[in-house]
Amino acid sequence: MSNICSQHPLKSLEFICYQCNRLMCSRCTINHNKEHTDHVLNYEHIDDIRQSLSSFLLIDEKNNSNNNNSSSDSNALNSTIRAIWKSLKSTSERYQSLSATENEISQHFEQLHQYLVTEEFRLKKPIVIKKDTIVNQIENNIKHLKYLYQIIDINNKLNVNHEKESPNSNQKESAEDTTTQYSTPTIISSISSSSSLQSFIQDNNQTLFNDHHDPFNTDELIKQHNNDSSSLLLDIIHKYNNQFKDLKLSEENNEEEIQISIGQINLSQFNSIIDKLTNLAETSRRAAFIFITHREKNGATLFNTLDSSIEPLKLDYCFRATNSSMVSIGEYIYIFGGWNNPNKWFKFSIVSKSFEHIGEMEGIEGDRLISVCYDGQDHIYLVNGISSHRIDRFNINTLKFEKWIYHNQITGGEHLSTMIFKGTLYSISSGKRSIVEISLSDRVSSSRELDIKPYTACHDNLGNFYIHSKEENRFIKYNVETKKITNLSPIPAKNSEVFLKFHRFSAKISHIFSFGGVEYGNFKYSIEDNQSEQIFQDDREQRQWCGSASI
């Protein structure tokens, strides 16, 4: 391909228009601009392209730190590369999330399968034990019966035999004894189908009762008794009695019968139980959303964390000063207090996308900036507010409030994040270098020092707090069990105004979001990668100090 412009032979091709994919010389660009005025911003000179491509990796590394993409986004190729990489990151995260959910489903049903196998074994065990006992009885009785049959057969043959050969000699070439080939279930089936002992023996005369079976070694006994049939018969009976003298026979069955009532499986009911036990598919779908609120206009936004799409919600509520006052339980989000509604509480349904209950905080004092957490059972705990020294709790079943702790052991003022972990309530106070901890069993409180001045915080419900210090521009993870502090890369929000919200995609993938809205920006921090990226950049709402909840 020649680099000479076909329309201007004295000029080289130096420009490309990305919109129409046309190569141009400097003269062509003048005419192109006149013909296509909307293409002006979509063509680029080869020198600019080469320079931007040469410095792309360096610029991209810098942008990962300051989230300022303006210097490289002017180049279309760089923008495309970055868009592809962003798509790869997003789809990889989604794939990992789906894989983790798939594994959770497999593990769940493996546990269910193991439980059913264990229950089956438990129910069948006494039956198997009794069946084994019966099999032993049948095998002993069959052996006993074979001996008796042999005695009868010998006696009959001695009575009619006038030749000098043994009673069994004419049967030595009979069919091979196949007793070992007879399973106990087959013998039981034969017994059940036989109307009499005689028919049972007749049906099994080639196997159980064939003439080849000679437990007494009759030929040798005949020689010992000099063909005296009476003496021979007495000796055989004597040997038989010694063999079976300890055997006890009884026709009565005194064993207790095992009975079980098994109803027909209601598959629809069973499926309903499975759905209640798992709820995996619905949870997986819902877990991709965060309910975020704003302060200037009454309303909220459903933010899809997988594709960054949004759904505005019109709600008649001011969410200012609720940044730690929301908690999600199932399909509901509970909201307590706020700047304009310090004495109210709300129950919002993500299914109906509306408030299903609005009530007064009766029996306790309301407040703004209340820090709340859920104990995983019946209660939501409400810690302090702007000016309170208290912990109250709310029963999600009775919808009643009760005072729980009111004394000065609770650090006063706003608490940023509260978590219940292994029977202890932990809470981080704004601007205080300490964590309050209270035993739920005896309500004894204590505190421990923190090497950071908290500005905002969140937690993962698994013993880890994530704490941001505006004053120090520092971001850490603190484990309440080990007391270990891990320094993290700070989220690069404007003026270090970071508002933290933990969000778990799956057992292996978690993110921390900061929703600062139009003024301070919205960010997603990957815990696994220790890296932040700016999201929802066209946000037009003020979201600082407004609550959010993972759904």
Protein backbone atom coordinates (compact mmCIF):
# COMPACT_ATOMS: atom_id res chain seq x y z
CA MET A 1 0.00 0.00 0.00
CA SER A 2 1.43 3.39 -1.05
CA ASN A 3 1.69 6.19 1.48
CA ILE A 4 1.12 8.81 -1.26
CA CYS A 5 -2.27 10.51 -1.38
CA SER A 6 -4.11 9.53 -4.55
CA GLN A 7 -5.78 12.95 -4.77
CA HIS A 8 -2.69 14.99 -3.86
CA PRO A 9 0.38 13.11 -5.18
CA LEU A 10 2.79 15.50 -3.55
CA LYS A 11 1.35 14.79 -0.11
CA SER A 12 1.72 11.78 2.17
CA LEU A 13 -1.13 10.15 4.04
CA GLU A 14 -0.80 11.37 7.63
CA PHE A 15 -4.32 11.44 9.07
CA ILE A 16 -7.07 8.92 9.73
CA CYS A 17 -10.74 9.70 10.31
CA TYR A 18 -12.03 7.13 12.78
CA GLN A 19 -15.67 7.84 12.01
CA CYS A 20 -15.48 6.98 8.31
CA ASN A 21 -12.16 5.07 8.48
CA ARG A 22 -10.55 7.20 5.74
CA LEU A 23 -6.82 7.90 5.32
CA MET A 24 -6.03 11.52 4.40
CA CYS A 25 -3.24 13.96 3.74
CA SER A 26 -3.18 17.46 5.20
CA ARG A 27 -4.96 18.86 2.13
CA CYS A 28 -7.69 16.19 2.35
CA THR A 29 -8.51 17.15 5.90
CA ILE A 30 -9.51 20.66 4.80
CA ASN A 31 -12.07 19.34 2.31
CA HIS A 32 -13.12 16.59 4.72
CA ASN A 33 -13.89 19.15 7.41
CA LYS A 34 -16.06 21.11 5.01
CA GLU A 35 -17.98 18.03 3.86
CA HIS A 36 -18.27 16.39 7.28
CA THR A 37 -18.27 19.00 9.99
CA ASP A 38 -19.24 16.42 12.61
CA HIS A 39 -16.03 14.45 11.95
CA VAL A 40 -13.66 17.19 13.10
CA LEU A 41 -13.03 15.62 16.49
CA ASN A 42 -12.71 12.10 15.11
CA TYR A 43 -9.48 12.20 13.09
CA GLU A 44 -5.90 12.09 14.26
CA HIS A 45 -2.35 12.65 12.95
CA ILE A 46 0.05 9.70 12.79
CA ASP A 47 2.59 11.45 15.05
CA ASP A 48 -0.04 11.90 17.76
CA ILE A 49 -1.11 8.28 17.36
CA ARG A 50 2.46 6.97 17.71
CA GLN A 51 3.18 9.18 20.70
CA SER A 52 0.01 8.18 22.53
CA LEU A 53 0.58 4.48 21.81
CA SER A 54 4.20 4.70 22.98
CA SER A 55 3.19 6.25 26.28
CA PHE A 56 -0.06 4.34 26.74
CA LEU A 57 1.11 1.86 29.39
CA LEU A 58 2.84 4.58 31.39
CA ILE A 59 -0.20 6.85 31.22
CA ASP A 60 -2.54 3.99 32.02
CA GLU A 61 -0.53 3.07 35.11
CA LYS A 62 -0.69 6.70 36.23
CA ASN A 63 -4.43 6.81 35.59
CA ASN A 64 -4.94 3.76 37.80
CA SER A 65 -3.60 5.87 40.63
CA ASN A 66 -5.39 9.17 40.01
CA ASN A 67 -8.38 8.03 37.91
CA ASN A 68 -7.84 10.90 35.49
CA ASN A 69 -8.22 9.53 31.98
CA SER A 70 -8.39 12.80 30.07
CA SER A 71 -4.77 12.68 28.90
CA SER A 72 -5.15 9.40 27.03
CA ASP A 73 -8.84 9.27 26.17
CA SER A 74 -8.24 11.85 23.40
CA ASN A 75 -6.71 9.05 21.35
CA ALA A 76 -9.35 6.77 19.87
CA LEU A 77 -7.16 3.66 19.92
CA ASN A 78 -6.27 4.20 23.55
CA SER A 79 -9.93 4.76 24.38
CA THR A 80 -10.83 1.51 22.61
CA ILE A 81 -8.09 -0.39 24.43
CA ARG A 82 -9.25 1.00 27.75
CA ALA A 83 -12.89 0.19 26.97
CA ILE A 84 -11.94 -3.38 26.05
CA TRP A 85 -9.93 -3.75 29.25
CA LYS A 86 -12.80 -2.37 31.31
CA SER A 87 -15.16 -4.81 29.61
CA LEU A 88 -12.74 -7.68 30.25
CA LYS A 89 -12.49 -6.73 33.92
CA SER A 90 -16.26 -6.46 34.24
CA THR A 91 -17.01 -9.73 32.45
CA SER A 92 -14.24 -11.54 34.33
CA GLU A 93 -15.67 -10.38 37.63
CA ARG A 94 -19.12 -11.47 36.55
CA TYR A 95 -17.79 -14.86 35.41
CA GLN A 96 -16.01 -15.35 38.74
CA SER A 97 -19.16 -14.30 40.56
CA LEU A 98 -21.27 -16.75 38.56
CA SER A 99 -18.71 -19.52 39.10
CA ALA A 100 -18.69 -18.86 42.83
CA THR A 101 -22.50 -18.94 42.89
CA GLU A 102 -22.46 -22.17 40.87
CA ASN A 103 -20.08 -23.71 43.40
CA GLU A 104 -22.28 -22.53 46.26
CA ILE A 105 -25.25 -24.27 44.64
CA SER A 106 -23.25 -27.49 44.18
CA GLN A 107 -22.02 -27.40 47.77
CA HIS A 108 -25.52 -26.68 49.05
CA PHE A 109 -27.11 -29.60 47.26
CA GLU A 110 -24.16 -31.83 48.14
CA GLN A 111 -24.93 -31.09 51.78
CA LEU A 112 -28.61 -31.77 51.15
CA HIS A 113 -27.76 -35.02 49.36
CA GLN A 114 -25.47 -36.09 52.20
CA TYR A 115 -28.21 -35.30 54.70
CA LEU A 116 -30.73 -37.43 52.77
CA VAL A 117 -28.23 -40.30 52.50
CA THR A 118 -27.58 -40.12 56.24
CA GLU A 119 -31.31 -40.05 57.01
CA GLU A 120 -31.90 -43.00 54.67
CA PHE A 121 -29.16 -44.98 56.43
CA ARG A 122 -30.55 -44.06 59.86
CA LEU A 123 -34.06 -45.25 58.98
CA LYS A 124 -32.89 -48.43 57.27
CA LYS A 125 -30.30 -49.46 59.86
CA PRO A 126 -32.66 -51.29 62.30
CA ILE A 127 -34.32 -52.99 59.33
CA VAL A 128 -30.98 -54.17 57.95
CA ILE A 129 -29.98 -55.50 61.38
CA LYS A 130 -33.21 -57.50 61.67
CA LYS A 131 -32.87 -58.77 58.10
CA ASP A 132 -29.34 -59.99 58.84
CA THR A 133 -30.64 -61.82 61.91
CA ILE A 134 -33.38 -63.46 59.84
CA VAL A 135 -30.89 -64.47 57.14
CA ASN A 136 -28.75 -66.21 59.77
CA GLN A 137 -31.83 -68.02 61.09
CA ILE A 138 -32.86 -69.14 57.62
CA GLU A 139 -29.36 -70.34 56.73
CA ASN A 140 -29.12 -72.32 59.99
CA ASN A 141 -32.58 -73.81 59.49
CA ILE A 142 -31.82 -74.79 55.89
CA LYS A 143 -28.62 -76.47 57.05
CA HIS A 144 -30.59 -78.24 59.77
CA LEU A 145 -33.26 -79.31 57.31
CA LYS A 146 -30.66 -80.68 54.89
CA TYR A 147 -29.25 -82.94 57.62
CA LEU A 148 -32.69 -84.24 58.51
CA TYR A 149 -33.55 -84.78 54.87
CA GLN A 150 -30.33 -86.76 54.46
CA ILE A 151 -31.24 -89.00 57.42
CA ILE A 152 -34.69 -89.66 55.92
CA ASP A 153 -33.19 -90.33 52.50
CA ILE A 154 -30.60 -92.75 53.92
CA ASN A 155 -33.26 -94.63 55.85
CA ASN A 156 -35.48 -94.96 52.78
CA LYS A 157 -32.65 -96.23 50.67
CA LEU A 158 -31.47 -98.67 53.33
CA ASN A 159 -34.97 -100.15 53.44
CA VAL A 160 -35.20 -100.78 49.73
CA ASN A 161 -31.55 -101.44 48.94
CA HIS A 162 -30.72 -105.13 48.67
CA GLU A 163 -27.54 -104.67 46.72
CA LYS A 164 -24.10 -104.39 48.30
CA GLU A 165 -23.41 -100.92 47.20
CA SER A 166 -23.78 -97.88 49.38
CA PRO A 167 -27.11 -96.05 49.40
CA ASN A 168 -25.53 -93.09 47.66
CA SER A 169 -23.21 -94.86 45.27
CA ASN A 170 -25.68 -94.77 42.39
CA GLN A 171 -25.93 -91.01 42.71
CA LYS A 172 -22.23 -90.13 42.75
CA GLU A 173 -22.39 -88.83 39.21
CA SER A 174 -25.41 -86.65 39.84
CA ALA A 175 -25.44 -82.99 38.98
CA GLU A 176 -22.81 -80.92 40.73
CA ASP A 177 -23.97 -79.36 43.99
CA THR A 178 -24.77 -75.73 43.27
CA THR A 179 -25.72 -74.70 46.81
CA THR A 180 -23.13 -71.94 46.80
CA GLN A 181 -24.87 -70.50 43.76
CA TYR A 182 -28.12 -70.11 45.68
CA SER A 183 -28.48 -66.71 47.30
CA THR A 184 -30.55 -66.30 50.44
CA PRO A 185 -33.12 -64.05 48.71
CA THR A 186 -33.65 -66.84 46.15
CA ILE A 187 -34.16 -69.41 48.89
CA ILE A 188 -36.61 -67.09 50.66
CA SER A 189 -38.51 -66.64 47.42
CA SER A 190 -38.68 -70.40 46.94
CA ILE A 191 -39.96 -70.93 50.49
CA SER A 192 -42.64 -68.29 50.00
CA SER A 193 -43.83 -69.81 46.73
CA SER A 194 -43.89 -73.42 48.01
CA SER A 195 -47.19 -74.67 49.39
CA SER A 196 -45.57 -77.40 51.51
CA LEU A 197 -42.22 -78.71 52.68
CA GLN A 198 -42.48 -81.54 50.17
CA SER A 199 -42.92 -79.14 47.26
CA PHE A 200 -40.04 -77.01 48.54
CA ILE A 201 -37.72 -80.02 48.64
CA GLN A 202 -38.93 -81.17 45.24
CA ASP A 203 -38.27 -77.73 43.72
CA ASN A 204 -34.73 -77.74 45.09
CA ASN A 205 -33.80 -81.42 44.69
CA GLN A 206 -31.03 -80.56 42.26
CA THR A 207 -29.45 -77.93 44.48
CA LEU A 208 -30.13 -77.77 48.21
CA PHE A 209 -31.26 -81.37 48.55
CA ASN A 210 -29.35 -83.29 45.89
CA ASP A 211 -27.83 -86.68 46.70
CA HIS A 212 -24.34 -85.32 46.34
CA HIS A 213 -24.73 -83.67 49.74
CA ASP A 214 -23.49 -86.30 52.23
CA PRO A 215 -22.58 -84.71 55.57
CA PHE A 216 -22.23 -88.12 57.30
CA ASN A 217 -19.83 -89.81 54.84
CA THR A 218 -22.28 -92.70 54.55
CA ASP A 219 -19.98 -95.03 52.56
CA GLU A 220 -17.42 -95.05 55.31
CA LEU A 221 -20.07 -95.56 58.02
CA ILE A 222 -21.52 -98.58 56.20
CA LYS A 223 -18.12 -100.23 56.27
CA GLN A 224 -17.69 -99.42 59.96
CA HIS A 225 -21.08 -100.95 60.81
CA ASN A 226 -20.65 -104.01 58.55
CA ASN A 227 -23.74 -103.11 56.54
CA ASP A 228 -25.88 -103.15 59.68
CA SER A 229 -28.56 -100.63 58.72
CA SER A 230 -30.01 -100.24 62.22
CA SER A 231 -26.62 -99.59 63.79
CA LEU A 232 -25.79 -97.21 60.95
CA LEU A 233 -28.99 -95.23 61.38
CA LEU A 234 -28.55 -94.89 65.15
CA ASP A 235 -24.99 -93.64 64.67
CA ILE A 236 -26.15 -91.05 62.14
CA ILE A 237 -28.92 -89.80 64.44
CA HIS A 238 -26.41 -89.61 67.28
CA LYS A 239 -24.06 -87.49 65.18
CA TYR A 240 -26.94 -85.30 64.11
CA ASN A 241 -27.99 -84.66 67.72
CA ASN A 242 -24.46 -83.63 68.65
CA GLN A 243 -24.40 -81.27 65.68
CA PHE A 244 -27.65 -79.49 66.48
CA LYS A 245 -28.13 -80.00 70.20
CA ASP A 246 -27.92 -76.26 70.96
CA LEU A 247 -30.30 -75.21 68.21
CA LYS A 248 -33.56 -73.69 69.46
CA LEU A 249 -36.56 -73.71 67.21
CA SER A 250 -39.69 -71.65 67.57
CA GLU A 251 -42.59 -71.10 65.25
CA GLU A 252 -43.62 -67.92 67.07
CA ASN A 253 -42.25 -64.58 65.99
CA ASN A 254 -41.94 -62.42 69.09
CA GLU A 255 -39.94 -59.73 67.36
CA GLU A 256 -41.52 -56.29 67.22
CA GLU A 257 -42.45 -55.31 63.72
CA ILE A 258 -40.97 -52.14 62.28
CA GLN A 259 -43.60 -50.00 60.69
CA ILE A 260 -43.18 -46.73 58.88
CA SER A 261 -45.73 -44.44 57.40
CA ILE A 262 -44.45 -42.91 54.18
CA GLY A 263 -46.61 -40.30 52.56
CA GLN A 264 -46.54 -39.52 48.90
CA ILE A 265 -43.98 -36.85 48.06
CA ASN A 266 -45.60 -33.52 47.25
CA LEU A 267 -43.14 -32.24 44.67
CA SER A 268 -44.55 -28.72 44.64
CA GLN A 269 -44.24 -28.51 48.42
CA PHE A 270 -40.76 -30.03 48.24
CA ASN A 271 -39.73 -27.45 45.64
CA SER A 272 -41.08 -24.71 47.87
CA ILE A 273 -38.94 -25.99 50.74
CA ILE A 274 -35.89 -26.12 48.50
CA ASP A 275 -36.54 -22.55 47.39
CA LYS A 276 -36.77 -21.39 51.00
CA LEU A 277 -33.59 -23.26 51.90
CA THR A 278 -31.57 -21.89 49.02
CA ASN A 279 -33.05 -18.78 47.43
CA LEU A 280 -29.78 -18.82 45.47
CA ALA A 281 -31.01 -17.76 42.06
CA GLU A 282 -32.99 -14.80 43.41
CA THR A 283 -30.23 -13.83 45.81
CA SER A 284 -27.70 -13.94 43.01
CA ARG A 285 -29.83 -11.56 40.95
CA ARG A 286 -30.51 -9.18 43.82
CA ALA A 287 -26.94 -9.14 45.07
CA ALA A 288 -25.93 -7.25 41.93
CA PHE A 289 -27.75 -4.12 43.16
CA ILE A 290 -27.07 -1.39 45.68
CA PHE A 291 -29.83 0.88 46.95
CA ILE A 292 -28.24 4.36 47.03
CA THR A 293 -29.92 7.60 48.09
CA HIS A 294 -29.45 11.34 47.62
CA ARG A 295 -30.14 14.45 49.64
CA GLU A 296 -31.44 17.34 47.52
CA LYS A 297 -34.46 15.64 45.97
CA ASN A 298 -36.46 12.98 47.72
CA GLY A 299 -35.52 9.76 46.02
CA ALA A 300 -33.12 6.88 45.58
CA THR A 301 -31.33 4.95 42.85
CA LEU A 302 -30.96 1.23 42.20
CA PHE A 303 -27.39 0.82 41.00
CA ASN A 304 -26.54 -2.37 39.08
CA THR A 305 -22.99 -3.25 40.10
CA LEU A 306 -22.50 -5.59 37.14
CA ASP A 307 -23.19 -3.21 34.27
CA SER A 308 -23.42 0.16 36.11
CA SER A 309 -26.97 0.73 34.90
CA ILE A 310 -29.32 2.69 37.14
CA GLU A 311 -33.02 2.82 37.95
CA PRO A 312 -34.27 6.04 39.61
CA LEU A 313 -36.85 5.62 42.39
CA LYS A 314 -39.19 8.40 43.50
CA LEU A 315 -39.59 8.23 47.28
CA ASP A 316 -41.08 10.83 49.58
CA TYR A 317 -38.25 10.78 52.10
CA CYS A 318 -35.19 12.88 52.87
CA PHE A 319 -32.21 10.54 53.22
CA ARG A 320 -29.74 13.11 54.52
CA ALA A 321 -27.81 11.93 57.61
CA THR A 322 -28.69 8.24 57.10
CA ASN A 323 -25.27 7.07 55.87
CA SER A 324 -25.03 4.38 58.58
CA SER A 325 -28.75 4.12 59.37
CA MET A 326 -29.80 1.48 56.80
CA VAL A 327 -29.65 -2.31 56.94
CA SER A 328 -31.02 -4.87 54.47
CA ILE A 329 -32.71 -8.09 55.62
CA GLY A 330 -34.05 -10.31 52.87
CA GLU A 331 -36.14 -8.24 50.48
CA TYR A 332 -36.47 -5.35 52.94
CA ILE A 333 -34.35 -2.32 53.77
CA TYR A 334 -34.88 -0.81 57.24
CA ILE A 335 -34.14 2.92 57.63
CA PHE A 336 -34.00 4.71 60.98
CA GLY A 337 -34.12 8.48 61.58
CA GLY A 338 -32.50 11.08 59.35
CA TRP A 339 -32.09 14.83 59.16
CA ASN A 340 -35.75 15.70 58.63
CA ASN A 341 -37.27 12.59 60.25
CA PRO A 342 -35.26 11.83 63.41
CA ASN A 343 -38.14 9.99 65.12
CA LYS A 344 -39.39 7.87 62.22
CA TRP A 345 -38.43 4.46 60.86
CA PHE A 346 -39.22 2.96 57.46
CA LYS A 347 -39.44 -0.49 55.92
CA PHE A 348 -38.76 -0.45 52.19
CA SER A 349 -39.50 -3.44 49.92
CA ILE A 350 -37.18 -3.97 46.99
CA VAL A 351 -39.87 -6.14 45.38
CA SER A 352 -42.64 -3.53 45.37
CA LYS A 353 -40.07 -0.68 45.34
CA SER A 354 -42.08 1.22 47.89
CA PHE A 355 -42.33 1.85 51.64
CA GLU A 356 -44.38 -0.93 53.20
CA HIS A 357 -44.30 0.50 56.71
CA ILE A 358 -43.73 3.95 58.17
CA GLY A 359 -43.76 4.32 61.94
CA GLU A 360 -42.62 6.30 64.95
CA MET A 361 -39.71 5.14 67.11
CA GLU A 362 -41.93 4.68 70.14
CA GLY A 363 -40.28 3.94 73.48
CA ILE A 364 -36.88 5.34 72.52
CA GLU A 365 -35.40 8.65 71.45
CA GLY A 366 -34.95 9.20 67.74
CA ASP A 367 -31.92 10.90 66.24
CA ARG A 368 -29.88 11.59 63.13
CA LEU A 369 -26.84 9.61 61.96
CA ILE A 370 -27.86 6.51 63.94
CA SER A 371 -25.55 3.54 63.32
CA VAL A 372 -27.47 0.27 62.89
CA CYS A 373 -26.63 -3.43 62.53
CA TYR A 374 -28.54 -6.73 62.38
CA ASP A 375 -27.84 -9.66 64.72
CA GLY A 376 -28.91 -12.25 62.14
CA GLN A 377 -31.95 -13.30 64.18
CA ASP A 378 -34.67 -10.98 65.50
CA HIS A 379 -33.11 -7.63 66.32
CA ILE A 380 -31.61 -4.56 64.72
CA TYR A 381 -29.37 -2.62 67.11
CA LEU A 382 -29.39 1.20 67.01
CA VAL A 383 -26.21 2.87 68.29
CA ASN A 384 -26.15 6.53 69.35
CA GLY A 385 -26.82 9.38 66.94
CA ILE A 386 -25.50 12.91 66.83
CA SER A 387 -25.74 13.51 70.59
CA SER A 388 -26.78 10.24 72.25
CA HIS A 389 -25.10 7.81 74.65
CA ARG A 390 -27.25 4.76 74.14
CA ILE A 391 -27.94 1.52 72.32
CA ASP A 392 -31.53 0.56 71.53
CA ARG A 393 -32.84 -2.37 69.58
CA PHE A 394 -35.75 -3.07 67.26
CA ASN A 395 -37.56 -6.41 66.95
CA ILE A 396 -38.24 -7.10 63.25
CA ASN A 397 -41.05 -9.52 64.15
CA THR A 398 -43.02 -7.47 66.68
CA LEU A 399 -41.93 -4.08 65.22
CA LYS A 400 -41.26 -2.87 68.78
CA PHE A 401 -38.37 -0.78 70.10
CA GLU A 402 -36.70 -1.27 73.48
CA LYS A 403 -33.96 0.51 75.38
CA TRP A 404 -30.89 -1.69 75.71
CA ILE A 405 -27.98 0.35 77.12
CA TYR A 406 -28.01 3.93 78.39
CA HIS A 407 -24.77 5.00 80.08
CA ASN A 408 -21.56 6.87 79.47
CA GLN A 409 -19.56 3.77 78.59
CA ILE A 410 -20.82 4.29 75.06
CA THR A 411 -18.74 6.87 73.22
CA GLY A 412 -21.00 9.81 72.50
CA GLY A 413 -21.84 11.26 69.13
CA GLU A 414 -22.05 9.73 65.71
CA HIS A 415 -20.90 6.16 65.17
CA LEU A 416 -19.77 5.35 61.64
CA SER A 417 -20.21 1.58 61.47
CA THR A 418 -21.49 -1.11 63.82
CA MET A 419 -21.07 -4.88 63.47
CA ILE A 420 -22.15 -7.90 65.50
CA PHE A 421 -19.61 -10.71 65.29
CA LYS A 422 -19.53 -13.89 67.40
CA GLY A 423 -21.76 -12.53 70.16
CA THR A 424 -20.09 -9.15 70.49
CA LEU A 425 -21.17 -5.76 69.18
CA TYR A 426 -18.34 -3.62 67.77
CA SER A 427 -18.81 0.04 66.88
CA ILE A 428 -16.52 2.75 65.46
CA SER A 429 -17.07 6.34 66.55
CA SER A 430 -16.48 9.32 64.28
CA GLY A 431 -13.11 10.98 64.90
CA LYS A 432 -12.28 8.75 67.89
CA ARG A 433 -9.21 6.50 67.74
CA SER A 434 -11.01 3.60 69.41
CA ILE A 435 -13.52 0.79 68.94
CA VAL A 436 -16.32 0.12 71.42
CA GLU A 437 -17.12 -3.55 72.06
CA ILE A 438 -20.10 -4.85 74.05
CA SER A 439 -20.97 -8.44 74.92
CA LEU A 440 -24.54 -9.21 73.89
CA SER A 441 -24.88 -11.79 76.67
CA ASP A 442 -24.00 -9.66 79.72
CA ARG A 443 -23.86 -6.15 78.14
CA VAL A 444 -20.39 -5.52 79.55
CA SER A 445 -18.60 -2.89 77.47
CA SER A 446 -14.97 -2.06 76.84
CA SER A 447 -12.90 -0.25 74.23
CA ARG A 448 -9.66 -0.73 72.35
CA GLU A 449 -7.37 1.79 70.69
CA LEU A 450 -7.16 2.35 66.94
CA ASP A 451 -4.15 3.65 65.04
CA ILE A 452 -6.33 5.81 62.78
CA LYS A 453 -8.79 8.70 63.07
CA PRO A 454 -11.96 7.43 61.36
CA TYR A 455 -13.95 9.62 58.99
CA THR A 456 -16.13 6.89 57.44
CA ALA A 457 -16.23 3.12 57.85
CA CYS A 458 -18.02 -0.06 56.83
CA HIS A 459 -17.75 -3.78 57.61
CA ASP A 460 -18.17 -7.21 56.01
CA ASN A 461 -20.08 -8.94 58.86
CA LEU A 462 -17.14 -11.37 59.10
CA GLY A 463 -15.03 -9.51 61.63
CA ASN A 464 -13.41 -6.93 59.34
CA PHE A 465 -13.87 -3.16 59.44
CA TYR A 466 -12.79 -0.97 56.53
CA ILE A 467 -11.89 2.49 57.82
CA HIS A 468 -11.09 5.72 55.95
CA SER A 469 -9.33 8.69 57.53
CA LYS A 470 -9.82 11.99 55.71
CA GLU A 471 -7.27 13.78 57.87
CA GLU A 472 -4.55 11.21 57.12
CA ASN A 473 -5.85 10.20 53.66
CA ARG A 474 -5.48 6.63 54.86
CA PHE A 475 -7.51 3.48 54.22
CA ILE A 476 -7.16 0.32 56.32
CA LYS A 477 -8.72 -3.06 57.08
CA TYR A 478 -9.01 -3.92 60.77
CA ASN A 479 -9.81 -7.42 62.04
CA VAL A 480 -11.53 -7.46 65.43
CA GLU A 481 -10.29 -10.97 66.31
CA THR A 482 -6.62 -10.69 65.43
CA LYS A 483 -6.47 -6.88 65.84
CA LYS A 484 -4.42 -6.87 62.66
CA ILE A 485 -4.30 -3.70 60.57
CA THR A 486 -3.80 -3.95 56.80
CA ASN A 487 -3.02 -0.75 54.92
CA LEU A 488 -4.98 -0.39 51.67
CA SER A 489 -4.69 1.91 48.66
CA PRO A 490 -6.80 5.01 49.42
CA ILE A 491 -9.89 5.65 47.30
CA PRO A 492 -9.07 8.79 45.24
CA ALA A 493 -12.23 10.80 45.86
CA LYS A 494 -12.21 14.59 45.65
CA ASN A 495 -10.93 16.21 48.87
CA SER A 496 -10.67 12.68 50.33
CA GLU A 497 -14.44 12.69 50.86
CA VAL A 498 -15.00 8.93 50.91
CA PHE A 499 -18.29 7.31 52.02
CA LEU A 500 -17.82 3.56 52.39
CA LYS A 501 -20.26 0.74 51.62
CA PHE A 502 -19.25 -2.95 51.59
CA HIS A 503 -20.80 -5.13 48.89
CA ARG A 504 -20.27 -8.88 48.49
CA PHE A 505 -20.68 -10.34 45.00
CA SER A 506 -19.93 -13.90 46.11
CA ALA A 507 -17.93 -15.86 48.65
CA LYS A 508 -14.73 -14.92 46.82
CA ILE A 509 -15.41 -11.50 45.31
CA SER A 510 -16.12 -8.35 47.33
CA HIS A 511 -16.00 -4.62 46.63
CA ILE A 512 -16.23 -1.45 48.65
CA PHE A 513 -18.14 1.42 47.08
CA SER A 514 -17.94 5.12 47.81
CA PHE A 515 -20.96 7.13 46.71
CA GLY A 516 -20.05 10.82 46.83
CA GLY A 517 -22.34 11.77 43.98
CA VAL A 518 -21.79 14.66 41.61
CA GLU A 519 -19.64 16.63 44.05
CA TYR A 520 -17.13 14.01 45.20
CA GLY A 521 -17.51 11.20 42.67
CA ASN A 522 -18.47 7.54 42.89
CA PHE A 523 -15.84 4.80 43.15
CA LYS A 524 -15.52 1.02 43.30
CA TYR A 525 -12.64 -0.48 45.26
CA SER A 526 -11.69 -4.11 44.61
CA ILE A 527 -10.63 -5.83 47.82
CA GLU A 528 -8.92 -8.64 45.89
CA ASP A 529 -6.96 -6.24 43.62
CA ASN A 530 -6.48 -3.39 46.15
CA GLN A 531 -7.41 -0.96 43.38
CA SER A 532 -10.08 1.67 42.78
CA GLU A 533 -11.88 2.83 39.67
CA GLN A 534 -14.34 5.64 39.11
CA ILE A 535 -17.91 4.62 38.27
CA PHE A 536 -21.27 6.26 37.57
CA GLN A 537 -19.49 9.37 36.29
CA ASP A 538 -22.63 11.01 34.90
CA ASP A 539 -24.26 11.08 38.34
CA ARG A 540 -26.09 14.36 38.99
CA GLU A 541 -27.17 13.85 42.60
CA GLN A 542 -25.68 14.94 45.92
CA ARG A 543 -25.07 11.69 47.85
CA GLN A 544 -22.63 12.55 50.65
CA TRP A 545 -23.80 11.36 54.08
CA CYS A 546 -26.81 9.59 52.52
CA GLY A 547 -27.40 5.93 53.22
CA SER A 548 -26.99 2.91 50.95
CA ALA A 549 -27.69 -0.80 51.28
CA SER A 550 -26.63 -3.93 49.39
CA ILE A 551 -29.60 -5.90 48.19
